[in-house]
Protein backbone atom coordinates (compact mmCIF):
# COMPACT_ATOMS: atom_id res chain seq x y z
CA MET A 1 -9.33 7.10 10.76
CA ALA A 2 -12.62 7.50 8.94
CA ALA A 3 -15.60 5.37 9.00
CA ASP A 4 -14.59 3.62 5.88
CA THR A 5 -11.69 2.49 6.62
CA PHE A 6 -13.06 0.53 9.13
CA MET A 7 -15.79 -0.98 6.84
CA VAL A 8 -12.95 -2.16 4.64
CA PHE A 9 -11.24 -3.59 7.20
CA SER A 10 -14.45 -5.49 9.11
CA ARG A 11 -13.15 -9.21 8.51
CA GLY A 12 -12.12 -8.88 12.00
CA TYR A 13 -8.46 -7.87 11.76
CA GLU A 14 -6.31 -5.84 13.61
CA PHE A 15 -4.10 -2.78 12.74
CA ALA A 16 -0.62 -3.14 13.63
CA PRO A 17 -0.08 0.40 14.57
CA GLU A 18 2.63 1.01 11.47
CA LEU A 19 -0.38 0.37 9.02
CA ARG A 20 -2.77 3.69 11.06
CA SER A 21 -0.05 6.07 9.83
CA VAL A 22 0.21 4.38 5.65
CA LEU A 23 -3.56 4.94 5.57
CA GLN A 24 -3.27 8.15 6.79
CA VAL A 25 -1.04 9.32 4.71
CA ALA A 26 -2.16 7.88 1.37
CA ARG A 27 -6.00 9.62 2.89
CA GLN A 28 -4.14 13.24 2.99
CA LEU A 29 -2.54 12.55 -0.49
CA ALA A 30 -6.04 11.50 -2.49
CA ASP A 31 -7.65 14.34 -0.60
CA SER A 32 -5.56 17.00 -1.45
CA THR A 33 -6.12 15.99 -5.26
CA GLY A 34 -9.49 15.44 -4.65
CA SER A 35 -8.78 11.64 -5.80
CA GLN A 36 -10.28 8.21 -4.90
CA ILE A 37 -7.49 6.56 -2.68
CA THR A 38 -5.64 4.58 -4.97
CA ALA A 39 -3.42 1.21 -5.35
CA ALA A 40 -0.67 3.60 -5.58
CA HIS A 41 -1.58 5.97 -2.57
CA LEU A 42 -1.14 3.06 -0.73
CA ILE A 43 2.44 2.36 -2.22
CA ILE A 44 3.00 6.16 -1.53
CA GLY A 45 1.91 6.28 2.18
CA THR A 46 4.19 2.95 2.46
CA LEU A 47 6.86 5.21 1.47
CA SER A 48 6.38 8.32 3.07
CA SER A 49 5.48 6.36 6.29
CA PRO A 50 8.99 6.18 8.64
CA ASP A 51 9.73 2.53 10.28
CA ASN A 52 6.94 0.44 8.99
CA SER A 53 7.62 -3.01 7.96
CA GLY A 54 6.77 -2.59 3.84
CA LEU A 55 9.48 0.61 3.35
CA ALA A 56 12.10 -1.60 5.47
CA ALA A 57 11.34 -4.54 2.58
CA LEU A 58 11.57 -1.96 0.05
CA LYS A 59 14.79 -0.69 0.95
CA THR A 60 16.56 -3.83 1.07
CA LEU A 61 15.23 -3.91 -2.80
CA PRO A 62 18.04 -2.78 -5.36
CA ILE A 63 15.22 0.42 -6.25
CA ASN A 64 15.04 4.04 -6.74
CA LEU A 65 12.64 4.66 -3.74
CA ALA A 66 12.88 8.39 -4.29
CA HIS A 67 12.13 7.90 -8.32
CA LEU A 68 9.56 5.59 -7.26
CA ASP A 69 7.72 8.18 -4.92
CA SER A 70 7.92 10.71 -7.39
CA SER A 71 6.56 9.04 -10.51
CA LEU A 72 3.57 7.40 -8.27
CA ARG A 73 2.97 11.16 -7.59
CA ALA A 74 2.92 11.92 -11.03
CA LEU A 75 0.16 9.83 -12.01
CA PRO A 76 -3.03 11.59 -12.55
CA PRO A 77 -5.66 11.86 -9.75
CA LEU A 78 -9.28 9.58 -9.65
CA PRO A 79 -11.88 11.68 -9.47
CA ALA A 80 -13.95 11.10 -6.79
CA ALA A 81 -17.35 9.22 -6.43
CA HIS A 82 -17.28 10.83 -2.93
CA ALA A 83 -14.69 11.88 -0.47
CA GLY A 84 -12.29 9.75 1.17
CA GLY A 85 -13.54 6.65 -1.03
CA TYR A 86 -11.73 3.81 -2.18
CA SER A 87 -10.47 3.19 -5.90
CA ARG A 88 -11.69 -0.32 -7.31
CA ASP A 89 -7.68 -1.13 -6.99
CA ALA A 90 -7.45 0.28 -3.48
CA GLN A 91 -10.17 -2.10 -2.23
CA ARG A 92 -8.89 -5.44 -4.16
CA ALA A 93 -5.49 -4.31 -2.58
CA LEU A 94 -6.78 -4.47 0.97
CA GLU A 95 -8.64 -7.57 0.09
CA THR A 96 -5.49 -9.25 -0.91
CA ALA A 97 -3.24 -7.35 1.92
CA MET A 98 -6.06 -9.27 4.11
CA GLU A 99 -5.14 -12.77 2.72
CA GLU A 100 -1.72 -12.28 2.65
CA ALA A 101 -2.23 -11.50 6.36
CA ARG A 102 -3.54 -14.36 7.08
CA SER A 103 -1.78 -16.65 4.75
CA MET A 104 1.76 -15.84 7.15
CA GLN A 105 -0.78 -16.56 10.18
CA ARG A 106 -0.54 -12.87 11.29
CA PRO A 107 -2.69 -11.50 13.61
CA GLN A 108 -2.52 -7.88 12.54
CA LEU A 109 -2.80 -6.40 9.12
CA THR A 110 0.67 -4.48 8.48
CA ALA A 111 2.26 -1.91 5.78
CA VAL A 112 3.63 -4.96 4.33
CA ASP A 113 0.82 -6.80 3.85
CA VAL A 114 -0.97 -3.43 2.23
CA LEU A 115 2.41 -3.12 -0.07
CA ILE A 116 2.07 -6.40 -0.91
CA GLY A 117 -2.08 -6.19 -1.88
CA ALA A 118 -1.05 -2.43 -3.36
CA ILE A 119 1.23 -4.31 -5.60
CA SER A 120 -0.15 -6.69 -6.75
CA ARG A 121 -3.74 -4.95 -6.87
CA ALA A 122 -2.34 -1.90 -8.92
CA GLY A 123 -3.73 -0.38 -12.30
CA ASP A 124 -2.64 -0.42 -15.57
CA ARG A 125 -0.42 2.95 -15.15
CA THR A 126 1.02 2.15 -11.43
CA GLN A 127 1.91 -1.53 -12.98
CA GLU A 128 4.59 0.16 -15.60
CA ILE A 129 5.83 2.17 -13.21
CA LEU A 130 6.51 -0.88 -10.86
CA LYS A 131 7.50 -2.59 -13.61
CA ALA A 132 10.17 -0.21 -14.50
CA GLN A 133 11.19 -0.48 -11.17
CA HIS A 134 11.59 -4.61 -11.37
CA LEU A 135 9.49 -4.00 -8.47
CA SER A 136 6.86 -6.68 -7.55
CA SER A 137 4.41 -8.67 -4.88
CA ASP A 138 6.83 -11.75 -4.92
CA ALA A 139 10.33 -9.08 -4.99
CA VAL A 140 8.62 -8.08 -1.23
CA ARG A 141 7.97 -11.66 -0.21
CA ALA A 142 11.45 -12.55 -1.07
CA ALA A 143 12.66 -9.48 1.20
CA ILE A 144 10.90 -10.56 3.94
CA ARG A 145 12.34 -13.94 3.86
CA ARG A 146 15.58 -12.85 3.53
CA GLY A 147 14.85 -10.63 7.21
CA ALA A 148 13.86 -7.45 6.31
CA GLY A 149 10.00 -5.90 6.87
CA GLY A 150 9.99 -7.33 10.55
CA ALA A 151 6.69 -8.91 9.19
């Protein structure tokens, strides 16, 4: 994992193993389009990485995951200030993810924490896509309370 990822997560949190693949997919997608990593990339990483708590929670919700994925991938890239950099919304998403993990007393940052952070802090265009799917951080939390997501 790139050094800037560790700097973002320098507040004493360990990654759950599932989160590494989510972040790797987000980084690869951003790199492939010459974009900064955005909150949308974090959500796509969750959708594209098998067997993670965020995807498990999403699968219990009445949303079209394939349509969500394709809509997010169709967003225009955000030009990178530097290779692999995190956009402001992605930075806020990761901060919110740490707050989520802390509030749930999780010792490791999980994919569902990052998903909740990304949904909460996504930019306007991503928010439009999420609203069209009726996807919110509260819906993900409710899915977790019902037993999805294993977080």
